Amino acid sequence: MKPIWKVALFVVTLVLSAVSVSAQPVVSAKSGLVAYIEGKVFNGDQELQPSLTSFPEVKEKMVLRTTEGRAEVLLTPGVFLRIGENSSFRMITNRLIDTRLELLTGSAVVEANEVAKDTNLTIVADKATILIAKHGLYRFDMEPARVKVFEGVASVSTGEQTSPVAAGKMLRLDTTSASVEKFDKEATDALDRWSRRRAENVAMANVSSAKQIHDYGCSNYGTNWVDPLAVGVPTNSPCYNPCGGWRYNPWYGMVTYIPCGANIYSPYGYRYWSPLTVARVYYVPPVNRGGYGGFGGGNRGFYPSMGSTSGGYSGAVASAPSMGASAGSMASSGATGASSAGASSAGHGGGGASGGHGK
């Protein structure tokens, strides 16, 4: 029988080895990585399967389609595309500086939490070309072809005419003579509600991932952020691109987004924390200055389906190990970390409250 200390040392060695492997980021500078699927989803002729090892990529000229299924696709940093059942789109170009895709059938939601500088996102639908250049929530349908703006502003070009479509307005896309009109923002369907649940889950995963980046000791983030390559940070380091991009959270089994500097809000009202600010609010005792919000009297971010603890939101967040084990969530990239890819295996969340974009 081996001494207990030798067995313990062996176990610790295995754990540290696993952490080391999971901490290696794989950088991708492309839009079109499939972060999550439900049901039957096809990338080209291949049916996608749940996987914890890789993110399928919708390459240029490829078509992603669903039958009885849904999919969440990462576009430019901070922007999600979610398509519903019996829907499809073709990737025209997947470069971050010029991402273009064509909606072919069904319905889709674009959640733009943050639109990064030097990136462009264009949606082609029927006779129209829609530029998404602002934070917001956009709904597209192909039968009939139309765009609804729940929050933000879409620039819609049909023929030689370009029309701004503001929040609470919609525009038909199958004609060049349609006018902008109001719609009921409360009239939602299953795709809208699923997108909200996904948004809540992703925002919850952000909290522990941002904290793990902070605990790991990364310094190249925040208001003084610099290009990691410029300061000699290798691409396989957990501190390569610690913010302003996608990051896989192994405790939640999903990809989340980490902003740089200050915090941002999703168009659903959920907060995304940066590594610079998350520790102050969720992981140190807040200063109670009266009223809801605690620290500074501000909105601390509310996730309806999760209860809070003394350490933050949810037991998973509160009890997540720091330092050594925190490297498990360091698989990051400007677009994603394929070595940790839980592309199709995340869970579900509850509903949420609407809200705006803020710092």
Protein backbone atom coordinates (compact mmCIF):
# COMPACT_ATOMS: atom_id res chain seq x y z
CA MET A 1 0.00 0.00 0.00
CA LYS A 2 1.39 3.40 -1.00
CA PRO A 3 1.86 6.04 1.70
CA ILE A 4 -1.01 8.53 1.82
CA TRP A 5 1.27 11.47 1.03
CA LYS A 6 2.43 9.79 -2.20
CA VAL A 7 -1.16 9.18 -3.31
CA ALA A 8 -2.04 12.79 -2.51
CA LEU A 9 0.99 14.05 -4.42
CA PHE A 10 0.01 11.93 -7.42
CA VAL A 11 -3.54 13.35 -7.37
CA VAL A 12 -2.26 16.93 -7.09
CA THR A 13 0.09 16.30 -10.02
CA LEU A 14 -2.79 15.06 -12.16
CA VAL A 15 -4.92 18.08 -11.25
CA LEU A 16 -2.15 20.54 -12.03
CA SER A 17 -1.46 18.77 -15.32
CA ALA A 18 -5.14 19.02 -16.27
CA VAL A 19 -5.17 22.71 -15.37
CA SER A 20 -2.06 23.32 -17.43
CA VAL A 21 -3.59 21.67 -20.49
CA SER A 22 -6.92 23.49 -20.16
CA ALA A 23 -5.15 26.81 -19.76
CA GLN A 24 -3.69 26.82 -23.27
CA PRO A 25 -5.59 29.30 -25.45
CA VAL A 26 -6.01 28.86 -29.18
CA VAL A 27 -6.42 32.21 -30.92
CA SER A 28 -8.82 32.66 -33.81
CA ALA A 29 -9.40 35.93 -35.64
CA LYS A 30 -12.58 34.81 -37.35
CA SER A 31 -16.31 35.16 -36.84
CA GLY A 32 -18.56 32.12 -37.10
CA LEU A 33 -17.61 29.82 -34.23
CA VAL A 34 -20.58 27.74 -33.04
CA ALA A 35 -20.66 28.09 -29.25
CA TYR A 36 -23.82 26.13 -28.46
CA ILE A 37 -26.40 23.90 -30.13
CA GLU A 38 -29.70 22.28 -29.22
CA GLY A 39 -31.33 19.58 -31.31
CA LYS A 40 -30.51 19.07 -34.98
CA VAL A 41 -28.04 21.59 -36.39
CA PHE A 42 -26.07 21.17 -39.63
CA ASN A 43 -22.88 22.92 -40.72
CA GLY A 44 -22.82 22.35 -44.42
CA ASP A 45 -23.72 18.67 -44.84
CA GLN A 46 -22.39 17.66 -41.43
CA GLU A 47 -24.71 17.31 -38.46
CA LEU A 48 -23.10 18.89 -35.42
CA GLN A 49 -22.77 16.90 -32.21
CA PRO A 50 -22.27 18.08 -28.63
CA SER A 51 -18.56 18.35 -27.88
CA LEU A 52 -16.19 19.53 -25.17
CA THR A 53 -13.13 19.49 -27.41
CA SER A 54 -13.71 21.88 -30.31
CA PHE A 55 -15.82 24.70 -31.67
CA PRO A 56 -17.20 24.02 -35.14
CA GLU A 57 -16.50 26.91 -37.51
CA VAL A 58 -18.88 28.25 -40.12
CA LYS A 59 -16.38 29.02 -42.84
CA GLU A 60 -16.87 31.36 -45.76
CA LYS A 61 -19.54 30.21 -48.24
CA MET A 62 -20.77 27.55 -45.78
CA VAL A 63 -24.41 27.34 -44.66
CA LEU A 64 -25.44 26.66 -41.08
CA ARG A 65 -29.01 25.39 -40.80
CA THR A 66 -31.33 24.00 -38.17
CA THR A 67 -34.31 21.71 -38.35
CA GLU A 68 -35.68 20.92 -34.89
CA GLY A 69 -32.84 22.76 -33.23
CA ARG A 70 -31.23 26.08 -32.31
CA ALA A 71 -27.69 27.44 -32.43
CA GLU A 72 -25.63 30.20 -30.87
CA VAL A 73 -22.81 31.57 -33.03
CA LEU A 74 -20.02 33.96 -32.03
CA LEU A 75 -19.56 36.85 -34.43
CA THR A 76 -17.34 39.87 -33.74
CA PRO A 77 -16.20 40.16 -30.07
CA GLY A 78 -19.22 40.81 -27.87
CA VAL A 79 -21.82 39.94 -30.54
CA PHE A 80 -23.92 36.75 -30.55
CA LEU A 81 -26.10 35.38 -33.36
CA ARG A 82 -28.84 32.99 -32.25
CA ILE A 83 -30.95 31.22 -34.85
CA GLY A 84 -34.20 29.40 -34.21
CA GLU A 85 -35.73 26.23 -35.56
CA ASN A 86 -35.93 25.68 -39.33
CA SER A 87 -33.54 28.58 -39.94
CA SER A 88 -30.34 29.03 -41.92
CA PHE A 89 -27.66 31.51 -42.90
CA ARG A 90 -24.69 31.61 -45.27
CA MET A 91 -21.34 33.03 -44.14
CA ILE A 92 -20.21 35.44 -46.84
CA THR A 93 -17.01 36.57 -45.14
CA ASN A 94 -15.86 35.76 -41.62
CA ARG A 95 -13.11 38.36 -41.10
CA LEU A 96 -13.57 40.40 -37.94
CA ILE A 97 -12.91 43.62 -39.82
CA ASP A 98 -15.64 42.70 -42.29
CA THR A 99 -18.09 40.03 -41.13
CA ARG A 100 -20.94 39.50 -43.57
CA LEU A 101 -23.62 36.83 -43.50
CA GLU A 102 -26.85 36.22 -45.40
CA LEU A 103 -29.99 35.03 -43.65
CA LEU A 104 -31.73 32.49 -45.86
CA THR A 105 -34.67 31.07 -43.92
CA GLY A 106 -36.37 31.27 -40.54
CA SER A 107 -35.54 33.71 -37.76
CA ALA A 108 -32.49 34.99 -35.91
CA VAL A 109 -31.59 37.29 -33.02
CA VAL A 110 -28.42 39.38 -32.85
CA GLU A 111 -27.35 40.38 -29.33
CA ALA A 112 -24.67 43.08 -29.62
CA ASN A 113 -23.28 43.58 -26.12
CA GLU A 114 -20.33 45.57 -27.39
CA VAL A 115 -19.24 46.48 -30.91
CA ALA A 116 -15.45 46.51 -30.96
CA LYS A 117 -13.48 49.16 -32.81
CA ASP A 118 -12.24 48.21 -36.26
CA THR A 119 -14.89 45.51 -36.67
CA ASN A 120 -17.87 45.55 -39.01
CA LEU A 121 -20.97 43.36 -39.03
CA THR A 122 -23.38 43.29 -41.96
CA ILE A 123 -26.51 41.16 -42.31
CA VAL A 124 -27.96 40.53 -45.76
CA ALA A 125 -31.65 39.60 -45.78
CA ASP A 126 -33.81 39.44 -48.90
CA LYS A 127 -33.49 42.80 -50.70
CA ALA A 128 -31.82 44.61 -47.81
CA THR A 129 -28.38 45.06 -46.27
CA ILE A 130 -28.33 45.82 -42.54
CA LEU A 131 -25.32 47.31 -40.78
CA ILE A 132 -25.05 46.53 -37.04
CA ALA A 133 -22.75 49.20 -35.64
CA LYS A 134 -24.25 49.89 -32.21
CA HIS A 135 -24.93 48.03 -28.98
CA GLY A 136 -28.42 46.60 -29.16
CA LEU A 137 -30.84 43.73 -29.75
CA TYR A 138 -32.02 42.96 -33.27
CA ARG A 139 -34.57 40.41 -34.49
CA PHE A 140 -34.67 39.15 -38.09
CA ASP A 141 -37.43 37.16 -39.77
CA MET A 142 -37.53 35.91 -43.35
CA GLU A 143 -41.24 35.06 -43.74
CA PRO A 144 -42.09 37.88 -44.15
CA ALA A 145 -38.63 39.46 -44.38
CA ARG A 146 -38.27 42.16 -41.71
CA VAL A 147 -36.01 43.52 -39.00
CA LYS A 148 -37.17 44.57 -35.54
CA VAL A 149 -34.97 46.69 -33.29
CA PHE A 150 -35.60 46.08 -29.58
CA GLU A 151 -32.65 48.25 -28.61
CA GLY A 152 -30.02 50.13 -30.60
CA VAL A 153 -30.13 51.46 -34.17
CA ALA A 154 -29.86 49.47 -37.41
CA SER A 155 -28.87 51.07 -40.69
CA VAL A 156 -30.91 49.38 -43.42
CA SER A 157 -30.12 49.83 -47.10
CA THR A 158 -32.64 48.76 -49.73
CA GLY A 159 -31.66 49.69 -53.25
CA GLU A 160 -30.36 53.27 -53.15
CA GLN A 161 -32.27 54.14 -49.97
CA THR A 162 -30.78 53.88 -46.47
CA SER A 163 -33.05 54.10 -43.43
CA PRO A 164 -32.11 54.20 -39.73
CA VAL A 165 -34.35 51.89 -37.70
CA ALA A 166 -34.41 52.88 -34.03
CA ALA A 167 -35.54 51.00 -30.91
CA GLY A 168 -39.20 49.99 -30.98
CA LYS A 169 -39.34 50.22 -34.78
CA MET A 170 -39.40 47.64 -37.56
CA LEU A 171 -38.92 47.63 -41.33
CA ARG A 172 -40.01 45.23 -44.05
CA LEU A 173 -37.04 43.95 -46.07
CA ASP A 174 -38.79 42.35 -49.05
CA THR A 175 -39.65 45.67 -50.70
CA THR A 176 -37.89 48.93 -51.47
CA SER A 177 -40.93 51.05 -50.63
CA ALA A 178 -41.69 49.94 -47.05
CA SER A 179 -41.64 52.55 -44.29
CA VAL A 180 -40.40 52.31 -40.72
CA GLU A 181 -43.21 51.53 -38.27
CA LYS A 182 -43.71 50.72 -34.61
CA PHE A 183 -44.07 47.23 -33.18
CA ASP A 184 -44.97 45.80 -29.79
CA LYS A 185 -41.72 45.00 -27.97
CA GLU A 186 -43.65 42.80 -25.52
CA ALA A 187 -44.92 40.51 -28.30
CA THR A 188 -42.14 37.90 -28.20
CA ASP A 189 -41.95 34.23 -29.10
CA ALA A 190 -39.95 31.11 -28.15
CA LEU A 191 -36.79 32.28 -29.94
CA ASP A 192 -36.81 35.62 -28.11
CA ARG A 193 -37.28 33.91 -24.75
CA TRP A 194 -34.55 31.34 -25.45
CA SER A 195 -32.15 34.10 -26.48
CA ARG A 196 -32.85 35.91 -23.19
CA ARG A 197 -32.13 32.74 -21.18
CA ARG A 198 -28.89 32.20 -23.07
CA ALA A 199 -27.92 35.82 -22.46
CA GLU A 200 -28.50 35.41 -18.73
CA ASN A 201 -26.37 32.25 -18.58
CA VAL A 202 -23.53 33.84 -20.52
CA ALA A 203 -23.55 36.92 -18.27
CA MET A 204 -23.48 34.75 -15.14
CA ALA A 205 -20.48 32.84 -16.48
CA ASN A 206 -18.72 36.16 -17.02
CA VAL A 207 -18.50 36.83 -13.27
CA SER A 208 -16.29 33.89 -12.33
CA SER A 209 -14.25 34.09 -15.54
CA ALA A 210 -13.45 37.76 -14.93
CA LYS A 211 -12.49 36.93 -11.33
CA GLN A 212 -10.24 34.07 -12.49
CA ILE A 213 -8.38 36.41 -14.84
CA HIS A 214 -7.88 38.84 -11.95
CA ASP A 215 -6.68 36.09 -9.60
CA TYR A 216 -4.30 34.64 -12.15
CA GLY A 217 -2.30 37.85 -11.99
CA CYS A 218 -2.80 39.08 -15.54
CA SER A 219 -1.88 42.75 -15.76
CA ASN A 220 -2.46 43.66 -19.40
CA TYR A 221 -6.11 44.58 -19.06
CA GLY A 222 -8.13 47.60 -18.01
CA THR A 223 -7.81 51.21 -19.07
CA ASN A 224 -4.08 50.77 -19.73
CA TRP A 225 -4.55 47.63 -21.80
CA VAL A 226 -1.85 46.99 -24.39
CA ASP A 227 -1.43 44.45 -27.17
CA PRO A 228 -0.13 41.29 -25.42
CA LEU A 229 2.23 40.52 -28.31
CA ALA A 230 3.78 43.96 -27.88
CA VAL A 231 4.80 43.13 -24.31
CA GLY A 232 5.94 39.61 -25.07
CA VAL A 233 2.95 37.60 -23.80
CA PRO A 234 2.94 34.28 -25.73
CA THR A 235 -0.28 33.13 -27.40
CA ASN A 236 -0.38 30.01 -25.22
CA SER A 237 -0.43 32.05 -22.01
CA PRO A 238 -3.65 32.43 -19.98
CA CYS A 239 -2.92 36.17 -20.00
CA TYR A 240 -2.98 36.46 -23.78
CA ASN A 241 -6.01 38.62 -24.64
CA PRO A 242 -7.45 38.49 -21.11
CA CYS A 243 -10.23 40.90 -22.06
CA GLY A 244 -12.06 42.21 -25.08
CA GLY A 245 -12.73 38.69 -26.35
CA TRP A 246 -14.34 35.31 -25.77
CA ARG A 247 -13.39 32.97 -22.92
CA TYR A 248 -14.53 29.45 -22.07
CA ASN A 249 -15.81 28.94 -18.52
CA PRO A 250 -15.45 25.24 -17.53
CA TRP A 251 -17.67 25.55 -14.45
CA TYR A 252 -20.61 26.78 -16.51
CA GLY A 253 -19.60 24.81 -19.61
CA MET A 254 -20.05 27.76 -21.95
CA VAL A 255 -18.34 30.64 -23.69
CA THR A 256 -18.67 34.09 -22.15
CA TYR A 257 -17.43 37.58 -22.99
CA ILE A 258 -14.92 39.62 -20.97
CA PRO A 259 -14.88 43.40 -21.54
CA CYS A 260 -11.86 45.60 -20.92
CA GLY A 261 -11.74 48.57 -18.54
CA ALA A 262 -15.20 49.37 -17.20
CA ASN A 263 -18.29 47.15 -17.17
CA ILE A 264 -20.93 46.92 -19.88
CA TYR A 265 -24.58 45.87 -19.90
CA SER A 266 -26.18 43.49 -22.34
CA PRO A 267 -29.32 44.77 -24.08
CA TYR A 268 -31.24 42.40 -21.79
CA GLY A 269 -29.95 44.28 -18.76
CA TYR A 270 -27.33 41.78 -17.56
CA ARG A 271 -23.96 43.11 -16.52
CA TYR A 272 -20.61 41.98 -17.91
CA TRP A 273 -17.74 42.58 -15.50
CA SER A 274 -14.17 43.35 -16.45
CA PRO A 275 -11.31 41.74 -14.47
CA LEU A 276 -10.51 45.21 -13.14
CA THR A 277 -13.86 45.76 -11.44
CA VAL A 278 -15.34 42.35 -10.59
CA ALA A 279 -13.22 41.73 -7.48
CA ARG A 280 -14.22 45.02 -5.88
CA VAL A 281 -17.93 44.34 -6.02
CA TYR A 282 -18.50 40.59 -5.77
CA TYR A 283 -15.51 39.38 -3.83
CA VAL A 284 -14.90 42.00 -1.14
CA PRO A 285 -17.51 43.20 1.38
CA PRO A 286 -19.43 46.02 -0.32
CA VAL A 287 -19.98 49.39 1.31
CA ASN A 288 -23.66 49.65 2.16
CA ARG A 289 -24.71 53.21 1.46
CA GLY A 290 -28.39 52.57 1.61
CA GLY A 291 -30.85 51.51 -1.04
CA TYR A 292 -30.63 48.58 -3.42
CA GLY A 293 -27.22 47.88 -4.88
CA GLY A 294 -24.86 48.04 -1.90
CA PHE A 295 -21.50 49.10 -3.29
CA GLY A 296 -21.77 52.71 -4.34
CA GLY A 297 -25.55 52.39 -4.38
CA GLY A 298 -25.36 51.13 -7.96
CA ASN A 299 -26.97 48.19 -9.72
CA ARG A 300 -24.92 45.10 -8.83
CA GLY A 301 -26.40 43.03 -11.63
CA PHE A 302 -29.40 40.77 -10.96
CA TYR A 303 -29.77 37.25 -12.32
CA PRO A 304 -33.34 36.09 -11.60
CA SER A 305 -32.69 32.34 -11.72
CA MET A 306 -29.69 32.36 -9.38
CA GLY A 307 -29.55 33.13 -5.67
CA SER A 308 -26.77 35.27 -4.28
CA THR A 309 -24.24 34.19 -1.65
CA SER A 310 -21.76 36.04 0.51
CA GLY A 311 -19.13 35.41 -2.15
CA GLY A 312 -21.13 36.38 -5.23
CA TYR A 313 -23.83 34.93 -7.46
CA SER A 314 -24.40 31.17 -7.24
CA GLY A 315 -22.51 28.54 -5.33
CA ALA A 316 -20.44 27.77 -8.42
CA VAL A 317 -19.19 31.34 -8.57
CA ALA A 318 -18.69 31.70 -4.83
CA SER A 319 -16.77 28.46 -4.41
CA ALA A 320 -14.77 28.50 -7.64
CA PRO A 321 -11.08 28.00 -6.76
CA SER A 322 -8.68 30.82 -7.51
CA MET A 323 -5.09 30.81 -8.80
CA GLY A 324 -4.27 27.17 -9.66
CA ALA A 325 -7.71 26.02 -10.69
CA SER A 326 -8.56 29.40 -12.12
CA ALA A 327 -6.34 28.58 -15.05
CA GLY A 328 -9.07 26.20 -16.20
CA SER A 329 -11.03 29.12 -17.56
CA MET A 330 -8.09 30.73 -19.22
CA ALA A 331 -8.68 29.14 -22.63
CA SER A 332 -9.22 32.43 -24.38
CA SER A 333 -8.89 34.23 -27.67
CA GLY A 334 -9.83 37.25 -29.68
CA ALA A 335 -12.63 34.95 -30.83
CA THR A 336 -12.42 31.85 -28.61
CA GLY A 337 -10.29 29.13 -27.03
CA ALA A 338 -10.72 25.95 -29.00
CA SER A 339 -8.71 23.81 -26.62
CA SER A 340 -11.44 24.15 -23.99
CA ALA A 341 -14.37 24.16 -26.32
CA GLY A 342 -17.66 23.26 -24.72
CA ALA A 343 -19.26 24.13 -27.98
CA SER A 344 -22.53 22.35 -27.54
CA SER A 345 -22.99 21.38 -23.93
CA ALA A 346 -24.02 24.38 -21.87
CA GLY A 347 -27.10 24.53 -19.65
CA HIS A 348 -30.08 26.79 -19.38
CA GLY A 349 -31.18 29.75 -17.28
CA GLY A 350 -34.22 31.65 -16.26
CA GLY A 351 -35.77 34.85 -17.49
CA GLY A 352 -34.54 38.34 -16.88
CA ALA A 353 -35.33 41.99 -16.78
CA SER A 354 -34.77 44.40 -19.60
CA GLY A 355 -32.25 47.15 -19.35
CA GLY A 356 -29.78 49.39 -21.13
CA HIS A 357 -26.14 49.72 -21.88
CA GLY A 358 -24.00 51.36 -19.26
CA LYS A 359 -20.56 51.68 -17.84
